[in-house]
Amino acid sequence: MRFVRNCLGAIVASMALVAVPGQAAENNGYMVDGVSFEVGVGEHVELARVGFQWDWNKDWLRTAGGWHLNGYWDLNLGWWHGDRYNDGHGSQDLAVIGITPVFRWEKATKKGVYVEAGIGASLFSENYNNNGNKMSTAFEFADHIGVGYVFDNNFDLGLRLQHYSNGGISKPNDGENFIVLRGAYRFE
């Protein structure tokens, strides 16, 4: 139940932040370019995450077919709930904050199909220890690959494969993998 309350609180907080007009984004009048909500599952672990995006508005490697490489910053706040804490002796709830630069191969219109990848950094509220997977540091790298579709109303629906690990900084470094469903909305 605490997990659900935290998710609902994050949604309310994200809507409050997005509703505040800002000076930083000249193109849309808001503090951020977009907001996302994500849910994911791993082996005996779930995640829920809200994110805020800032579009780079780049036009790298444009093709004759209208495709190009763009990207965005993704600042996210999430919760993990593992149901096999310390190898099956309870559950573990973690807060996670992360920042990821994401590269996206997309059409110049920013609508339709896209492919993306990112490698970022995350900070956990405590070390992860669930279902035999242990991560010995609160600092973890978060990388993903994903595909998705942006509809004409700027709603973005995507699917990601997400991996967390500390990159060998410290042992143990078992890491954790997720399949993540992402819904996002880009402001214009």
N, C-alpha and C. Protein backbone atom coordinates (compact mmCIF):
# COMPACT_ATOMS: atom_id res chain seq x y z
N MET A 1 0.82 -1.19 0.00
CA MET A 1 0.00 0.00 0.00
C MET A 1 0.87 1.27 0.00
N ARG A 2 2.01 1.21 0.74
CA ARG A 2 2.91 2.36 0.76
C ARG A 2 3.43 2.66 -0.64
N PHE A 3 3.69 1.62 -1.41
CA PHE A 3 4.18 1.76 -2.78
C PHE A 3 3.18 2.54 -3.63
N VAL A 4 1.89 2.18 -3.53
CA VAL A 4 0.83 2.86 -4.29
C VAL A 4 0.71 4.32 -3.86
N ARG A 5 0.76 4.58 -2.55
CA ARG A 5 0.68 5.96 -2.04
C ARG A 5 1.83 6.80 -2.59
N ASN A 6 3.04 6.23 -2.59
CA ASN A 6 4.19 6.96 -3.11
C ASN A 6 4.01 7.29 -4.59
N CYS A 7 3.48 6.36 -5.36
CA CYS A 7 3.24 6.59 -6.79
C CYS A 7 2.22 7.70 -6.99
N LEU A 8 1.13 7.65 -6.25
CA LEU A 8 0.11 8.69 -6.38
C LEU A 8 0.65 10.05 -5.97
N GLY A 9 1.45 10.09 -4.92
CA GLY A 9 2.07 11.35 -4.49
C GLY A 9 2.98 11.92 -5.56
N ALA A 10 3.73 11.06 -6.22
CA ALA A 10 4.63 11.51 -7.29
C ALA A 10 3.85 12.07 -8.47
N ILE A 11 2.73 11.46 -8.80
CA ILE A 11 1.91 11.97 -9.90
C ILE A 11 1.38 13.35 -9.58
N VAL A 12 0.86 13.53 -8.37
CA VAL A 12 0.34 14.84 -7.96
C VAL A 12 1.45 15.88 -7.96
N ALA A 13 2.61 15.53 -7.42
CA ALA A 13 3.74 16.47 -7.40
C ALA A 13 4.19 16.83 -8.80
N SER A 14 4.22 15.87 -9.71
CA SER A 14 4.66 16.16 -11.08
C SER A 14 3.68 17.08 -11.78
N MET A 15 2.39 16.88 -11.56
CA MET A 15 1.40 17.77 -12.17
C MET A 15 1.52 19.19 -11.63
N ALA A 16 1.81 19.33 -10.35
CA ALA A 16 1.99 20.66 -9.76
C ALA A 16 3.21 21.35 -10.35
N LEU A 17 4.30 20.61 -10.52
CA LEU A 17 5.51 21.19 -11.10
C LEU A 17 5.29 21.62 -12.55
N VAL A 18 4.64 20.78 -13.31
CA VAL A 18 4.42 21.05 -14.73
C VAL A 18 3.48 22.23 -14.93
N ALA A 19 2.54 22.40 -14.03
CA ALA A 19 1.54 23.47 -14.17
C ALA A 19 2.12 24.85 -13.91
N VAL A 20 3.31 24.93 -13.33
CA VAL A 20 3.91 26.21 -13.00
C VAL A 20 4.63 26.77 -14.23
N PRO A 21 4.20 27.92 -14.74
CA PRO A 21 4.93 28.51 -15.86
C PRO A 21 6.35 28.88 -15.44
N GLY A 22 7.29 28.73 -16.36
CA GLY A 22 8.68 29.03 -16.04
C GLY A 22 9.31 29.94 -17.08
N GLN A 23 10.50 30.39 -16.76
CA GLN A 23 11.25 31.26 -17.66
C GLN A 23 12.23 30.49 -18.52
N ALA A 24 12.58 29.26 -18.11
CA ALA A 24 13.66 28.53 -18.76
C ALA A 24 13.32 28.04 -20.16
N ALA A 25 12.12 27.62 -20.39
CA ALA A 25 11.76 27.04 -21.68
C ALA A 25 11.04 28.08 -22.52
N GLU A 26 11.76 28.64 -23.47
CA GLU A 26 11.18 29.69 -24.30
C GLU A 26 10.14 29.16 -25.28
N ASN A 27 10.27 27.88 -25.66
CA ASN A 27 9.41 27.36 -26.72
C ASN A 27 8.01 26.99 -26.25
N ASN A 28 7.80 26.72 -24.94
CA ASN A 28 6.47 26.29 -24.55
C ASN A 28 5.92 27.00 -23.32
N GLY A 29 6.70 27.86 -22.67
CA GLY A 29 6.23 28.60 -21.52
C GLY A 29 6.19 27.80 -20.22
N TYR A 30 6.63 26.56 -20.22
CA TYR A 30 6.65 25.73 -19.02
C TYR A 30 8.09 25.48 -18.59
N MET A 31 8.25 25.06 -17.34
CA MET A 31 9.58 24.76 -16.82
C MET A 31 10.20 23.54 -17.49
N VAL A 32 9.37 22.62 -17.96
CA VAL A 32 9.84 21.40 -18.60
C VAL A 32 9.18 21.26 -19.96
N ASP A 33 9.77 20.43 -20.83
CA ASP A 33 9.19 20.17 -22.14
C ASP A 33 8.20 19.03 -22.13
N GLY A 34 8.33 18.13 -21.14
CA GLY A 34 7.44 16.98 -21.10
C GLY A 34 7.47 16.30 -19.74
N VAL A 35 6.50 15.44 -19.53
CA VAL A 35 6.40 14.68 -18.29
C VAL A 35 6.06 13.24 -18.66
N SER A 36 6.57 12.29 -17.86
CA SER A 36 6.32 10.88 -18.15
C SER A 36 5.98 10.13 -16.87
N PHE A 37 5.30 9.01 -17.06
CA PHE A 37 5.06 8.07 -15.97
C PHE A 37 5.40 6.69 -16.51
N GLU A 38 6.14 5.93 -15.71
CA GLU A 38 6.62 4.62 -16.14
C GLU A 38 6.35 3.57 -15.08
N VAL A 39 6.02 2.38 -15.53
CA VAL A 39 5.91 1.22 -14.64
C VAL A 39 6.73 0.10 -15.26
N GLY A 40 7.37 -0.67 -14.38
CA GLY A 40 8.22 -1.74 -14.88
C GLY A 40 8.23 -2.93 -13.96
N VAL A 41 8.62 -4.07 -14.53
CA VAL A 41 8.73 -5.30 -13.75
C VAL A 41 10.07 -5.95 -14.04
N GLY A 42 10.63 -6.49 -12.97
CA GLY A 42 11.83 -7.32 -13.05
C GLY A 42 11.52 -8.63 -12.35
N GLU A 43 12.55 -9.35 -11.99
CA GLU A 43 12.33 -10.62 -11.30
C GLU A 43 12.11 -10.34 -9.81
N HIS A 44 10.87 -10.42 -9.37
CA HIS A 44 10.44 -10.16 -7.99
C HIS A 44 10.68 -8.71 -7.57
N VAL A 45 10.60 -7.78 -8.51
CA VAL A 45 10.74 -6.36 -8.20
C VAL A 45 9.90 -5.57 -9.20
N GLU A 46 9.30 -4.48 -8.72
CA GLU A 46 8.51 -3.58 -9.56
C GLU A 46 9.07 -2.17 -9.41
N LEU A 47 8.85 -1.37 -10.43
CA LEU A 47 9.22 0.04 -10.32
C LEU A 47 8.09 0.90 -10.84
N ALA A 48 8.02 2.09 -10.27
CA ALA A 48 7.14 3.15 -10.76
C ALA A 48 7.97 4.41 -10.74
N ARG A 49 7.80 5.24 -11.78
CA ARG A 49 8.69 6.40 -11.91
C ARG A 49 7.96 7.53 -12.62
N VAL A 50 8.20 8.74 -12.15
CA VAL A 50 7.77 9.93 -12.88
C VAL A 50 9.02 10.62 -13.40
N GLY A 51 8.90 11.24 -14.54
CA GLY A 51 10.06 11.89 -15.13
C GLY A 51 9.69 13.23 -15.74
N PHE A 52 10.70 14.06 -15.86
CA PHE A 52 10.56 15.38 -16.49
C PHE A 52 11.62 15.47 -17.58
N GLN A 53 11.21 15.94 -18.76
CA GLN A 53 12.12 15.95 -19.90
C GLN A 53 12.36 17.37 -20.42
N TRP A 54 13.59 17.57 -20.89
CA TRP A 54 14.00 18.80 -21.55
C TRP A 54 14.59 18.41 -22.91
N ASP A 55 13.90 18.77 -23.98
CA ASP A 55 14.28 18.41 -25.35
C ASP A 55 15.51 19.21 -25.78
N TRP A 56 16.45 18.55 -26.43
CA TRP A 56 17.64 19.22 -26.93
C TRP A 56 17.35 20.00 -28.22
N ASN A 57 16.29 19.62 -28.93
CA ASN A 57 15.93 20.25 -30.20
C ASN A 57 17.11 20.28 -31.17
N LYS A 58 17.74 19.13 -31.35
CA LYS A 58 18.86 18.99 -32.28
C LYS A 58 18.39 18.31 -33.56
N ASP A 59 19.17 18.48 -34.58
CA ASP A 59 18.86 17.91 -35.89
C ASP A 59 20.12 17.27 -36.46
N TRP A 60 20.66 16.30 -35.73
CA TRP A 60 21.90 15.64 -36.13
C TRP A 60 21.60 14.51 -37.12
N LEU A 61 22.50 14.31 -38.07
CA LEU A 61 22.49 13.18 -39.00
C LEU A 61 21.18 13.05 -39.78
N ARG A 62 20.64 14.16 -40.24
CA ARG A 62 19.38 14.15 -40.98
C ARG A 62 19.52 13.34 -42.26
N THR A 63 18.51 12.50 -42.51
CA THR A 63 18.49 11.69 -43.73
C THR A 63 17.53 12.32 -44.74
N ALA A 64 17.63 11.86 -45.99
CA ALA A 64 16.72 12.34 -47.04
C ALA A 64 15.28 11.95 -46.74
N GLY A 65 15.08 10.90 -45.95
CA GLY A 65 13.74 10.44 -45.59
C GLY A 65 13.11 11.20 -44.44
N GLY A 66 13.80 12.21 -43.90
CA GLY A 66 13.23 13.02 -42.84
C GLY A 66 13.51 12.53 -41.43
N TRP A 67 14.41 11.59 -41.26
CA TRP A 67 14.78 11.10 -39.94
C TRP A 67 15.99 11.86 -39.43
N HIS A 68 16.14 11.98 -38.14
CA HIS A 68 17.32 12.61 -37.56
C HIS A 68 17.56 12.10 -36.14
N LEU A 69 18.72 12.44 -35.60
CA LEU A 69 19.08 12.12 -34.22
C LEU A 69 18.83 13.35 -33.37
N ASN A 70 18.07 13.18 -32.32
CA ASN A 70 17.76 14.23 -31.36
C ASN A 70 18.01 13.65 -29.98
N GLY A 71 17.60 14.33 -28.96
CA GLY A 71 17.73 13.80 -27.62
C GLY A 71 17.06 14.68 -26.59
N TYR A 72 17.12 14.22 -25.36
CA TYR A 72 16.53 14.99 -24.26
C TYR A 72 17.17 14.56 -22.94
N TRP A 73 17.08 15.45 -21.97
CA TRP A 73 17.45 15.12 -20.60
C TRP A 73 16.22 14.56 -19.91
N ASP A 74 16.39 13.49 -19.15
CA ASP A 74 15.30 12.90 -18.39
C ASP A 74 15.69 12.88 -16.91
N LEU A 75 15.02 13.70 -16.11
CA LEU A 75 15.19 13.71 -14.67
C LEU A 75 14.03 12.93 -14.09
N ASN A 76 14.32 11.87 -13.32
CA ASN A 76 13.24 11.01 -12.85
C ASN A 76 13.35 10.70 -11.37
N LEU A 77 12.19 10.43 -10.79
CA LEU A 77 12.07 10.03 -9.41
C LEU A 77 11.23 8.77 -9.38
N GLY A 78 11.75 7.72 -8.75
CA GLY A 78 11.04 6.45 -8.79
C GLY A 78 11.06 5.72 -7.47
N TRP A 79 10.27 4.65 -7.45
CA TRP A 79 10.20 3.75 -6.31
C TRP A 79 10.33 2.33 -6.81
N TRP A 80 11.09 1.55 -6.09
CA TRP A 80 11.21 0.12 -6.34
C TRP A 80 10.59 -0.62 -5.18
N HIS A 81 9.90 -1.70 -5.48
CA HIS A 81 9.37 -2.58 -4.45
C HIS A 81 9.80 -4.00 -4.77
N GLY A 82 10.68 -4.53 -3.93
CA GLY A 82 11.14 -5.91 -4.08
C GLY A 82 10.44 -6.78 -3.06
N ASP A 83 9.94 -7.94 -3.48
CA ASP A 83 9.19 -8.79 -2.55
C ASP A 83 10.02 -9.95 -2.00
N ARG A 84 11.33 -9.93 -2.25
CA ARG A 84 12.21 -10.98 -1.71
C ARG A 84 13.46 -10.34 -1.11
N TYR A 85 13.25 -9.40 -0.19
CA TYR A 85 14.36 -8.71 0.45
C TYR A 85 15.26 -9.71 1.18
N ASN A 86 16.57 -9.48 1.06
CA ASN A 86 17.56 -10.29 1.77
C ASN A 86 17.32 -11.77 1.53
N ASP A 87 17.15 -12.12 0.26
CA ASP A 87 16.94 -13.51 -0.18
C ASP A 87 15.66 -14.13 0.34
N GLY A 88 14.58 -13.34 0.40
CA GLY A 88 13.26 -13.88 0.73
C GLY A 88 12.77 -13.62 2.12
N HIS A 89 13.43 -12.76 2.87
CA HIS A 89 13.03 -12.50 4.25
C HIS A 89 12.32 -11.15 4.38
N GLY A 90 11.31 -10.91 3.60
CA GLY A 90 10.56 -9.65 3.67
C GLY A 90 10.56 -8.91 2.35
N SER A 91 10.26 -7.63 2.42
CA SER A 91 10.22 -6.80 1.22
C SER A 91 11.11 -5.58 1.42
N GLN A 92 11.42 -4.92 0.31
CA GLN A 92 12.27 -3.73 0.33
C GLN A 92 11.68 -2.68 -0.57
N ASP A 93 11.52 -1.47 -0.04
CA ASP A 93 11.07 -0.32 -0.82
C ASP A 93 12.21 0.68 -0.89
N LEU A 94 12.51 1.14 -2.10
CA LEU A 94 13.60 2.07 -2.33
C LEU A 94 13.11 3.29 -3.10
N ALA A 95 13.63 4.44 -2.77
CA ALA A 95 13.44 5.63 -3.58
C ALA A 95 14.68 5.77 -4.47
N VAL A 96 14.46 6.21 -5.70
CA VAL A 96 15.56 6.33 -6.66
C VAL A 96 15.39 7.65 -7.42
N ILE A 97 16.46 8.44 -7.49
CA ILE A 97 16.44 9.65 -8.31
C ILE A 97 17.53 9.48 -9.37
N GLY A 98 17.20 9.89 -10.60
CA GLY A 98 18.16 9.69 -11.68
C GLY A 98 18.11 10.79 -12.72
N ILE A 99 19.20 10.90 -13.45
CA ILE A 99 19.29 11.83 -14.59
C ILE A 99 19.93 11.05 -15.74
N THR A 100 19.31 11.14 -16.91
CA THR A 100 19.79 10.39 -18.07
C THR A 100 19.74 11.25 -19.33
N PRO A 101 20.85 11.37 -20.05
CA PRO A 101 20.78 11.91 -21.40
C PRO A 101 20.31 10.80 -22.34
N VAL A 102 19.28 11.07 -23.11
CA VAL A 102 18.68 10.06 -23.97
C VAL A 102 18.81 10.50 -25.43
N PHE A 103 19.36 9.64 -26.27
CA PHE A 103 19.44 9.90 -27.71
C PHE A 103 18.27 9.21 -28.38
N ARG A 104 17.61 9.95 -29.29
CA ARG A 104 16.42 9.40 -29.96
C ARG A 104 16.53 9.57 -31.47
N TRP A 105 16.37 8.46 -32.20
CA TRP A 105 16.30 8.46 -33.66
C TRP A 105 14.83 8.57 -34.01
N GLU A 106 14.45 9.70 -34.63
CA GLU A 106 13.05 10.01 -34.85
C GLU A 106 12.85 10.77 -36.15
N LYS A 107 11.60 10.92 -36.55
CA LYS A 107 11.28 11.76 -37.70
C LYS A 107 11.43 13.22 -37.30
N ALA A 108 11.70 14.06 -38.28
CA ALA A 108 11.88 15.49 -38.02
C ALA A 108 10.63 16.11 -37.41
N THR A 109 9.47 15.54 -37.67
CA THR A 109 8.21 16.05 -37.11
C THR A 109 8.04 15.69 -35.64
N LYS A 110 8.90 14.80 -35.13
CA LYS A 110 8.83 14.26 -33.77
C LYS A 110 7.56 13.46 -33.52
N LYS A 111 6.95 12.98 -34.58
CA LYS A 111 5.75 12.14 -34.50
C LYS A 111 6.07 10.79 -35.11
N GLY A 112 5.31 9.78 -34.71
CA GLY A 112 5.49 8.45 -35.27
C GLY A 112 6.48 7.61 -34.48
N VAL A 113 7.04 6.63 -35.16
CA VAL A 113 7.93 5.64 -34.54
C VAL A 113 9.28 6.26 -34.19
N TYR A 114 9.87 5.79 -33.10
CA TYR A 114 11.23 6.20 -32.73
C TYR A 114 11.95 5.03 -32.06
N VAL A 115 13.28 5.16 -32.01
CA VAL A 115 14.15 4.25 -31.28
C VAL A 115 15.04 5.13 -30.42
N GLU A 116 15.28 4.71 -29.16
CA GLU A 116 16.10 5.54 -28.29
C GLU A 116 17.01 4.71 -27.40
N ALA A 117 18.04 5.37 -26.85
CA ALA A 117 18.97 4.73 -25.93
C ALA A 117 19.53 5.80 -25.01
N GLY A 118 19.80 5.40 -23.77
CA GLY A 118 20.38 6.34 -22.81
C GLY A 118 21.18 5.63 -21.75
N ILE A 119 22.18 6.34 -21.23
CA ILE A 119 22.97 5.87 -20.09
C ILE A 119 23.06 7.03 -19.12
N GLY A 120 22.55 6.81 -17.91
CA GLY A 120 22.54 7.87 -16.92
C GLY A 120 23.03 7.39 -15.57
N ALA A 121 22.79 8.22 -14.57
CA ALA A 121 23.21 7.94 -13.20
C ALA A 121 22.01 8.00 -12.28
N SER A 122 22.00 7.11 -11.29
CA SER A 122 20.90 7.07 -10.32
C SER A 122 21.47 6.96 -8.91
N LEU A 123 20.72 7.51 -7.97
CA LEU A 123 21.09 7.45 -6.57
C LEU A 123 19.94 6.80 -5.80
N PHE A 124 20.23 5.73 -5.08
CA PHE A 124 19.24 4.95 -4.34
C PHE A 124 19.21 5.38 -2.88
N SER A 125 18.05 5.22 -2.25
CA SER A 125 17.92 5.56 -0.83
C SER A 125 18.68 4.59 0.06
N GLU A 126 18.93 3.38 -0.40
CA GLU A 126 19.75 2.39 0.30
C GLU A 126 20.21 1.36 -0.72
N ASN A 127 21.14 0.52 -0.33
CA ASN A 127 21.64 -0.50 -1.25
C ASN A 127 20.56 -1.54 -1.53
N TYR A 128 20.47 -1.94 -2.78
CA TYR A 128 19.48 -2.91 -3.22
C TYR A 128 19.90 -4.32 -2.83
N ASN A 129 18.94 -5.12 -2.32
CA ASN A 129 19.22 -6.50 -1.92
C ASN A 129 17.91 -7.27 -2.02
N ASN A 130 17.66 -7.88 -3.17
CA ASN A 130 16.38 -8.55 -3.41
C ASN A 130 16.59 -9.77 -4.29
N ASN A 131 15.98 -10.89 -3.90
CA ASN A 131 15.96 -12.10 -4.72
C ASN A 131 17.36 -12.58 -5.11
N GLY A 132 18.33 -12.39 -4.22
CA GLY A 132 19.70 -12.81 -4.52
C GLY A 132 20.49 -11.80 -5.32
N ASN A 133 19.87 -10.73 -5.79
CA ASN A 133 20.58 -9.67 -6.51
C ASN A 133 20.95 -8.58 -5.52
N LYS A 134 22.23 -8.32 -5.42
CA LYS A 134 22.72 -7.31 -4.49
C LYS A 134 23.55 -6.29 -5.24
N MET A 135 23.34 -5.02 -4.89
CA MET A 135 24.15 -3.94 -5.44
C MET A 135 24.78 -3.23 -4.24
N SER A 136 26.10 -3.16 -4.23
CA SER A 136 26.82 -2.71 -3.04
C SER A 136 26.98 -1.20 -2.93
N THR A 137 26.45 -0.45 -3.86
CA THR A 137 26.56 1.01 -3.80
C THR A 137 25.18 1.64 -3.99
N ALA A 138 24.99 2.82 -3.43
CA ALA A 138 23.75 3.57 -3.64
C ALA A 138 23.78 4.26 -5.00
N PHE A 139 24.97 4.49 -5.55
CA PHE A 139 25.12 5.06 -6.89
C PHE A 139 25.10 3.93 -7.90
N GLU A 140 24.24 4.04 -8.89
CA GLU A 140 24.13 3.02 -9.94
C GLU A 140 23.99 3.70 -11.30
N PHE A 141 24.50 3.05 -12.32
CA PHE A 141 24.26 3.50 -13.69
C PHE A 141 22.92 2.91 -14.15
N ALA A 142 22.20 3.68 -14.94
CA ALA A 142 20.91 3.23 -15.47
C ALA A 142 20.97 3.38 -16.98
N ASP A 143 20.94 2.26 -17.69
CA ASP A 143 20.95 2.34 -19.15
C ASP A 143 19.73 1.64 -19.71
N HIS A 144 19.30 2.12 -20.88
CA HIS A 144 18.12 1.53 -21.50
C HIS A 144 18.19 1.63 -23.02
N ILE A 145 17.44 0.75 -23.67
CA ILE A 145 17.13 0.88 -25.08
C ILE A 145 15.61 0.79 -25.16
N GLY A 146 15.04 1.48 -26.13
CA GLY A 146 13.59 1.48 -26.21
C GLY A 146 13.07 1.81 -27.59
N VAL A 147 11.81 1.51 -27.77
CA VAL A 147 11.07 1.86 -28.99
C VAL A 147 9.75 2.47 -28.55
N GLY A 148 9.17 3.25 -29.45
CA GLY A 148 7.89 3.84 -29.11
C GLY A 148 7.24 4.53 -30.28
N TYR A 149 6.15 5.20 -29.95
CA TYR A 149 5.37 5.91 -30.97
C TYR A 149 4.83 7.19 -30.35
N VAL A 150 5.01 8.30 -31.06
CA VAL A 150 4.46 9.59 -30.65
C VAL A 150 3.25 9.89 -31.52
N PHE A 151 2.09 10.02 -30.88
CA PHE A 151 0.84 10.30 -31.58
C PHE A 151 0.73 11.79 -31.90
N ASP A 152 -0.23 12.14 -32.77
CA ASP A 152 -0.39 13.53 -33.20
C ASP A 152 -0.70 14.48 -32.05
N ASN A 153 -1.27 13.97 -30.96
CA ASN A 153 -1.58 14.84 -29.82
C ASN A 153 -0.41 14.95 -28.84
N ASN A 154 0.79 14.54 -29.26
CA ASN A 154 2.03 14.57 -28.48
C ASN A 154 2.09 13.56 -27.35
N PHE A 155 1.17 12.59 -27.32
CA PHE A 155 1.27 11.51 -26.35
C PHE A 155 2.25 10.48 -26.88
N ASP A 156 3.17 10.06 -26.04
CA ASP A 156 4.26 9.15 -26.39
C ASP A 156 4.06 7.86 -25.61
N LEU A 157 3.99 6.74 -26.30
CA LEU A 157 3.87 5.44 -25.67
C LEU A 157 5.08 4.61 -26.06
N GLY A 158 5.84 4.14 -25.07
CA GLY A 158 7.07 3.42 -25.37
C GLY A 158 7.29 2.21 -24.50
N LEU A 159 8.21 1.36 -24.94
CA LEU A 159 8.60 0.17 -24.22
C LEU A 159 10.12 0.16 -24.14
N ARG A 160 10.65 -0.08 -22.94
CA ARG A 160 12.09 -0.04 -22.71
C ARG A 160 12.59 -1.33 -22.06
N LEU A 161 13.83 -1.66 -22.36
CA LEU A 161 14.59 -2.64 -21.60
C LEU A 161 15.58 -1.82 -20.78
N GLN A 162 15.50 -1.92 -19.46
CA GLN A 162 16.28 -1.08 -18.55
C GLN A 162 17.20 -1.96 -17.71
N HIS A 163 18.43 -1.50 -17.54
CA HIS A 163 19.40 -2.23 -16.72
C HIS A 163 20.05 -1.26 -15.74
N TYR A 164 20.18 -1.69 -14.48
CA TYR A 164 20.87 -0.92 -13.46
C TYR A 164 22.05 -1.74 -12.95
N SER A 165 23.21 -1.10 -12.81
CA SER A 165 24.37 -1.72 -12.16
C SER A 165 25.36 -0.61 -11.84
N ASN A 166 26.35 -0.93 -11.01
CA ASN A 166 27.33 0.11 -10.66
C ASN A 166 28.56 0.08 -11.57
N GLY A 167 28.51 -0.72 -12.62
CA GLY A 167 29.59 -0.74 -13.60
C GLY A 167 30.89 -1.30 -13.06
N GLY A 168 30.83 -2.12 -12.01
CA GLY A 168 32.04 -2.72 -11.45
C GLY A 168 32.77 -1.84 -10.46
N ILE A 169 32.14 -0.75 -10.00
CA ILE A 169 32.78 0.12 -9.02
C ILE A 169 33.05 -0.63 -7.73
N SER A 170 32.11 -1.49 -7.34
CA SER A 170 32.22 -2.24 -6.09
C SER A 170 31.49 -3.57 -6.25
N LYS A 171 31.90 -4.56 -5.47
CA LYS A 171 31.25 -5.86 -5.48
C LYS A 171 30.43 -6.02 -4.21
N PRO A 172 29.31 -6.72 -4.21
CA PRO A 172 28.68 -7.36 -5.36
C PRO A 172 28.02 -6.33 -6.28
N ASN A 173 27.89 -6.74 -7.51
CA ASN A 173 27.31 -5.88 -8.54
C ASN A 173 26.41 -6.73 -9.43
N ASP A 174 25.39 -7.35 -8.83
CA ASP A 174 24.51 -8.23 -9.59
C ASP A 174 23.62 -7.48 -10.56
N GLY A 175 23.26 -6.25 -10.25
CA GLY A 175 22.42 -5.45 -11.13
C GLY A 175 20.98 -5.92 -11.11
N GLU A 176 20.17 -5.20 -11.87
CA GLU A 176 18.75 -5.55 -12.00
C GLU A 176 18.27 -5.12 -13.37
N ASN A 177 17.38 -5.93 -13.95
CA ASN A 177 16.82 -5.67 -15.28
C ASN A 177 15.31 -5.51 -15.18
N PHE A 178 14.77 -4.63 -16.02
CA PHE A 178 13.34 -4.37 -16.05
C PHE A 178 12.83 -4.31 -17.49
N ILE A 179 11.57 -4.63 -17.66
CA ILE A 179 10.80 -4.26 -18.85
C ILE A 179 9.91 -3.12 -18.39
N VAL A 180 9.98 -1.99 -19.08
CA VAL A 180 9.32 -0.77 -18.63
C VAL A 180 8.35 -0.26 -19.69
N LEU A 181 7.13 0.02 -19.27
CA LEU A 181 6.13 0.65 -20.13
C LEU A 181 6.11 2.13 -19.76
N ARG A 182 6.22 2.99 -20.78
CA ARG A 182 6.35 4.43 -20.55
C ARG A 182 5.27 5.19 -21.30
N GLY A 183 4.60 6.06 -20.58
CA GLY A 183 3.67 7.01 -21.19
C GLY A 183 4.18 8.40 -20.92
N ALA A 184 4.21 9.25 -21.93
CA ALA A 184 4.74 10.61 -21.75
C ALA A 184 3.89 11.58 -22.55
N TYR A 185 3.96 12.84 -22.14
CA TYR A 185 3.28 13.90 -22.87
C TYR A 185 4.25 15.06 -23.05
N ARG A 186 4.37 15.54 -24.28
CA ARG A 186 5.25 16.66 -24.60
C ARG A 186 4.40 17.91 -24.79
N PHE A 187 4.81 18.98 -24.08
CA PHE A 187 4.10 20.25 -24.18
C PHE A 187 4.56 21.01 -25.40
N GLU A 188 3.66 21.76 -25.99
CA GLU A 188 4.04 22.58 -27.16
C GLU A 188 3.85 24.04 -26.87
